[in-house]
Amino acid sequence: MSAIRVAVVDDQVLFCSGLAMLIESQPDLAFVGSAHDGEAAVALVERERPDVVLMDVRMPVLDGIAATERILSGVQRDGAGQDSAPKIIVLTTFQRDEAVARAVRAGASGFIMKDTTPEFVLAAIRTVDAGHAVIAPKDTAELFGGQRRAPVPDAIADLSAREKEVFLLAARGLSNAEVGQTAYISEATVKSHMRSILAKLALTSRVQLVAFAYENGLVR
């Protein structure tokens, strides 16, 4: 299998260098370059076509949110119908960061705190490359649920009773297998419900589902 191509975007050169060394130490990962502002990040992605981008939020010239929007809005389809956009993991210093919530809404595959462990960074890269979201329930609660919100049950009124059950379990950060075990349904059935839920709510990823649940007061 080919190595996962990873780019790092952060205005702190030393921080980028540290992540580059970490990535290069792994046989299944390949560091393809770094950028120190959002404009340079867009150019880097167009030039190198990384699989995963670690994207800082606050940078000069163009911030990480605008860069994420630019990168993901320019998705191209290849001959097999696959999109060319990289998976973007947002890096943040603050647990309560509205900017990260905006990046998730723009299509980022997840977020991690900049003070997390090297092992978690590596796991996050591999997780999003495999098509999954990076959701740390504690950090997610801080980010989207820092202020208690009144529940808005009408937000999921279009879902069936079973879909609502799956939605609420997934919003707590459970995997498909864990949702299936809790709801006594197969993992394949969970995946089917998840596709329907995302389509009905006009969401594009599992991490957006979690954000949607917190923002509508459906998860505590």
Protein backbone atom coordinates (compact mmCIF):
# COMPACT_ATOMS: atom_id res chain seq x y z
CA MET A 1 0.00 0.00 0.00
CA SER A 2 1.19 3.54 -0.74
CA ALA A 3 2.00 5.83 2.15
CA ILE A 4 -0.56 8.39 3.37
CA ARG A 5 0.56 11.78 2.06
CA VAL A 6 0.39 14.42 4.82
CA ALA A 7 0.80 18.22 4.69
CA VAL A 8 1.13 20.51 7.71
CA VAL A 9 -0.14 24.11 7.83
CA ASP A 10 0.81 26.31 10.78
CA ASP A 11 2.39 29.74 11.14
CA GLN A 12 4.83 28.42 13.73
CA VAL A 13 7.78 27.02 11.79
CA LEU A 14 9.13 25.05 14.75
CA PHE A 15 5.74 23.39 15.32
CA CYS A 16 5.59 22.40 11.64
CA SER A 17 9.09 20.96 11.83
CA GLY A 18 8.16 18.86 14.84
CA LEU A 19 5.11 17.42 13.09
CA ALA A 20 7.17 16.79 9.96
CA MET A 21 9.69 14.74 11.96
CA LEU A 22 6.87 12.81 13.63
CA ILE A 23 5.22 12.00 10.30
CA GLU A 24 8.49 11.02 8.62
CA SER A 25 9.21 8.58 11.46
CA GLN A 26 6.26 6.41 10.37
CA PRO A 27 6.66 3.90 7.52
CA ASP A 28 3.04 4.29 6.38
CA LEU A 29 3.10 8.12 6.29
CA ALA A 30 4.85 10.55 3.94
CA PHE A 31 5.40 14.25 4.71
CA VAL A 32 4.80 16.23 1.50
CA GLY A 33 5.34 19.80 2.67
CA SER A 34 4.33 22.62 4.97
CA ALA A 35 2.79 26.08 4.64
CA HIS A 36 2.68 28.95 7.08
CA ASP A 37 -0.41 30.86 5.97
CA GLY A 38 -3.75 30.00 4.39
CA GLU A 39 -2.92 31.21 0.88
CA ALA A 40 0.22 29.09 0.84
CA ALA A 41 -1.84 26.16 2.16
CA VAL A 42 -4.22 26.32 -0.79
CA ALA A 43 -1.27 26.41 -3.20
CA LEU A 44 0.42 23.51 -1.38
CA VAL A 45 -2.68 21.34 -1.64
CA GLU A 46 -3.09 22.12 -5.36
CA ARG A 47 0.58 21.30 -5.99
CA GLU A 48 1.14 18.22 -3.82
CA ARG A 49 -2.35 16.67 -3.57
CA PRO A 50 -1.94 15.38 0.00
CA ASP A 51 -4.34 12.82 1.45
CA VAL A 52 -4.50 14.55 4.84
CA VAL A 53 -3.85 18.15 5.90
CA LEU A 54 -3.20 19.24 9.49
CA MET A 55 -4.58 22.80 9.44
CA ASP A 56 -4.03 25.49 12.07
CA VAL A 57 -6.94 27.88 12.71
CA ARG A 58 -5.25 31.23 13.25
CA MET A 59 -2.74 32.27 10.58
CA PRO A 60 -1.79 35.39 8.65
CA VAL A 61 -2.92 36.30 5.10
CA LEU A 62 -5.75 33.74 5.09
CA ASP A 63 -6.92 31.90 8.21
CA GLY A 64 -7.37 28.15 8.45
CA ILE A 65 -11.17 28.34 8.17
CA ALA A 66 -11.10 30.27 4.91
CA ALA A 67 -8.34 28.00 3.60
CA THR A 68 -10.41 24.92 4.48
CA GLU A 69 -13.42 26.36 2.67
CA ARG A 70 -11.32 27.21 -0.39
CA ILE A 71 -9.73 23.76 -0.52
CA LEU A 72 -12.96 21.80 -0.04
CA SER A 73 -15.03 23.99 -2.36
CA GLY A 74 -12.61 23.23 -5.18
CA VAL A 75 -13.21 19.46 -5.15
CA GLN A 76 -12.66 17.78 -8.49
CA ARG A 77 -13.94 14.35 -9.49
CA ASP A 78 -11.64 11.81 -11.09
CA GLY A 79 -12.56 9.16 -13.65
CA ALA A 80 -13.69 6.76 -10.94
CA GLY A 81 -16.03 9.34 -9.43
CA GLN A 82 -13.84 9.94 -6.41
CA ASP A 83 -13.18 13.47 -5.18
CA SER A 84 -9.67 14.87 -4.97
CA ALA A 85 -10.10 16.85 -1.76
CA PRO A 86 -7.84 15.95 1.14
CA LYS A 87 -9.15 15.13 4.58
CA ILE A 88 -8.56 18.16 6.82
CA ILE A 89 -7.87 17.95 10.54
CA VAL A 90 -8.12 21.31 12.28
CA LEU A 91 -5.55 22.14 14.96
CA THR A 92 -6.71 24.33 17.83
CA THR A 93 -5.28 25.70 21.06
CA PHE A 94 -8.64 26.53 22.62
CA GLN A 95 -11.24 24.05 23.82
CA ARG A 96 -14.07 26.50 23.18
CA ASP A 97 -13.31 27.68 19.67
CA GLU A 98 -16.13 28.82 17.39
CA ALA A 99 -13.65 28.93 14.51
CA VAL A 100 -13.20 25.17 14.71
CA ALA A 101 -16.97 24.70 14.66
CA ARG A 102 -17.03 26.74 11.45
CA ALA A 103 -14.31 24.54 9.94
CA VAL A 104 -16.32 21.43 10.78
CA ARG A 105 -19.37 22.96 9.08
CA ALA A 106 -17.17 23.69 6.06
CA GLY A 107 -16.31 20.01 5.78
CA ALA A 108 -13.25 19.38 7.94
CA SER A 109 -12.97 15.76 9.01
CA GLY A 110 -12.33 16.59 12.63
CA PHE A 111 -10.19 18.53 15.06
CA ILE A 112 -7.50 17.92 17.62
CA MET A 113 -5.97 20.03 20.38
CA LYS A 114 -2.42 21.19 19.69
CA ASP A 115 -1.29 19.90 23.09
CA THR A 116 -2.42 16.33 22.36
CA THR A 117 0.01 13.42 22.30
CA PRO A 118 2.07 12.42 19.23
CA GLU A 119 0.31 9.04 19.29
CA PHE A 120 -3.09 10.71 19.04
CA VAL A 121 -1.93 12.87 16.10
CA LEU A 122 -0.78 9.77 14.22
CA ALA A 123 -4.00 7.92 15.03
CA ALA A 124 -6.04 10.92 13.85
CA ILE A 125 -4.21 10.99 10.50
CA ARG A 126 -4.84 7.29 9.90
CA THR A 127 -8.44 7.55 11.07
CA VAL A 128 -9.47 10.34 8.70
CA ASP A 129 -7.56 8.76 5.80
CA ALA A 130 -9.68 5.65 6.34
CA GLY A 131 -12.80 7.78 5.91
CA HIS A 132 -13.77 8.31 9.53
CA ALA A 133 -14.10 11.48 11.58
CA VAL A 134 -11.85 12.42 14.46
CA ILE A 135 -14.17 13.01 17.40
CA ALA A 136 -12.91 13.29 20.95
CA PRO A 137 -16.14 13.38 23.03
CA LYS A 138 -14.67 15.52 25.85
CA ASP A 139 -13.27 18.12 23.46
CA THR A 140 -16.43 18.02 21.36
CA ALA A 141 -18.58 18.78 24.38
CA GLU A 142 -16.35 21.75 25.26
CA LEU A 143 -16.34 23.05 21.70
CA PHE A 144 -20.01 22.78 20.81
CA GLY A 145 -21.63 22.41 24.20
CA GLY A 146 -19.78 24.97 26.29
CA GLN A 147 -23.05 26.87 26.76
CA ARG A 148 -26.17 24.90 27.58
CA ARG A 149 -28.65 25.19 24.75
CA ALA A 150 -32.38 24.57 24.89
CA PRO A 151 -33.23 21.34 23.03
CA VAL A 152 -34.63 21.75 19.52
CA PRO A 153 -36.35 18.39 18.90
CA ASP A 154 -37.87 19.67 15.65
CA ALA A 155 -34.33 19.69 14.22
CA ILE A 156 -34.59 15.92 13.70
CA ALA A 157 -38.35 15.74 13.09
CA ASP A 158 -37.78 14.31 9.60
CA LEU A 159 -35.99 11.24 10.99
CA SER A 160 -37.79 7.99 11.70
CA ALA A 161 -37.91 6.70 15.28
CA ARG A 162 -35.04 4.27 14.61
CA GLU A 163 -33.02 6.97 12.84
CA LYS A 164 -33.45 9.28 15.83
CA GLU A 165 -32.12 6.52 18.09
CA VAL A 166 -29.09 5.98 15.84
CA PHE A 167 -28.56 9.74 15.52
CA LEU A 168 -28.42 10.26 19.30
CA LEU A 169 -26.05 7.32 19.82
CA ALA A 170 -23.72 8.49 17.05
CA ALA A 171 -23.83 12.04 18.44
CA ARG A 172 -22.39 10.72 21.71
CA GLY A 173 -19.32 9.57 19.75
CA LEU A 174 -20.18 5.87 19.47
CA SER A 175 -18.77 3.95 16.52
CA ASN A 176 -21.05 2.09 14.10
CA ALA A 177 -20.27 -1.18 15.88
CA GLU A 178 -21.08 0.35 19.29
CA VAL A 179 -24.30 1.87 17.97
CA GLY A 180 -25.30 -1.52 16.59
CA GLN A 181 -24.60 -3.29 19.88
CA THR A 182 -26.59 -0.69 21.84
CA ALA A 183 -29.54 -0.59 19.44
CA TYR A 184 -29.48 -4.38 18.75
CA ILE A 185 -29.08 -3.94 14.99
CA SER A 186 -26.32 -4.99 12.59
CA GLU A 187 -23.45 -2.69 11.71
CA ALA A 188 -24.61 -2.74 8.07
CA THR A 189 -28.03 -1.49 9.19
CA VAL A 190 -26.36 1.27 11.21
CA LYS A 191 -24.42 2.37 8.12
CA SER A 192 -27.65 2.43 6.11
CA HIS A 193 -29.36 4.55 8.76
CA MET A 194 -26.37 6.89 8.92
CA ARG A 195 -26.48 7.51 5.16
CA SER A 196 -30.18 8.32 5.41
CA ILE A 197 -29.68 10.57 8.46
CA LEU A 198 -26.90 12.58 6.83
CA ALA A 199 -28.95 13.02 3.65
CA LYS A 200 -32.10 14.12 5.50
CA LEU A 201 -30.20 16.62 7.65
CA ALA A 202 -28.05 17.88 4.74
CA LEU A 203 -24.85 16.92 6.57
CA THR A 204 -21.73 15.53 4.94
CA SER A 205 -19.88 13.79 7.76
CA ARG A 206 -20.17 12.18 11.15
CA VAL A 207 -18.37 15.05 12.84
CA GLN A 208 -20.93 17.47 11.36
CA LEU A 209 -23.63 15.26 12.86
CA VAL A 210 -22.03 15.63 16.30
CA ALA A 211 -21.80 19.40 15.87
CA PHE A 212 -25.44 19.54 14.75
CA ALA A 213 -26.54 17.58 17.84
CA TYR A 214 -24.68 19.83 20.29
CA GLU A 215 -25.75 23.03 18.56
CA ASN A 216 -29.40 21.98 18.75
CA GLY A 217 -29.19 20.98 22.41
CA LEU A 218 -29.80 17.31 21.65
CA VAL A 219 -26.71 16.03 23.50
CA ARG A 220 -25.39 17.01 26.92
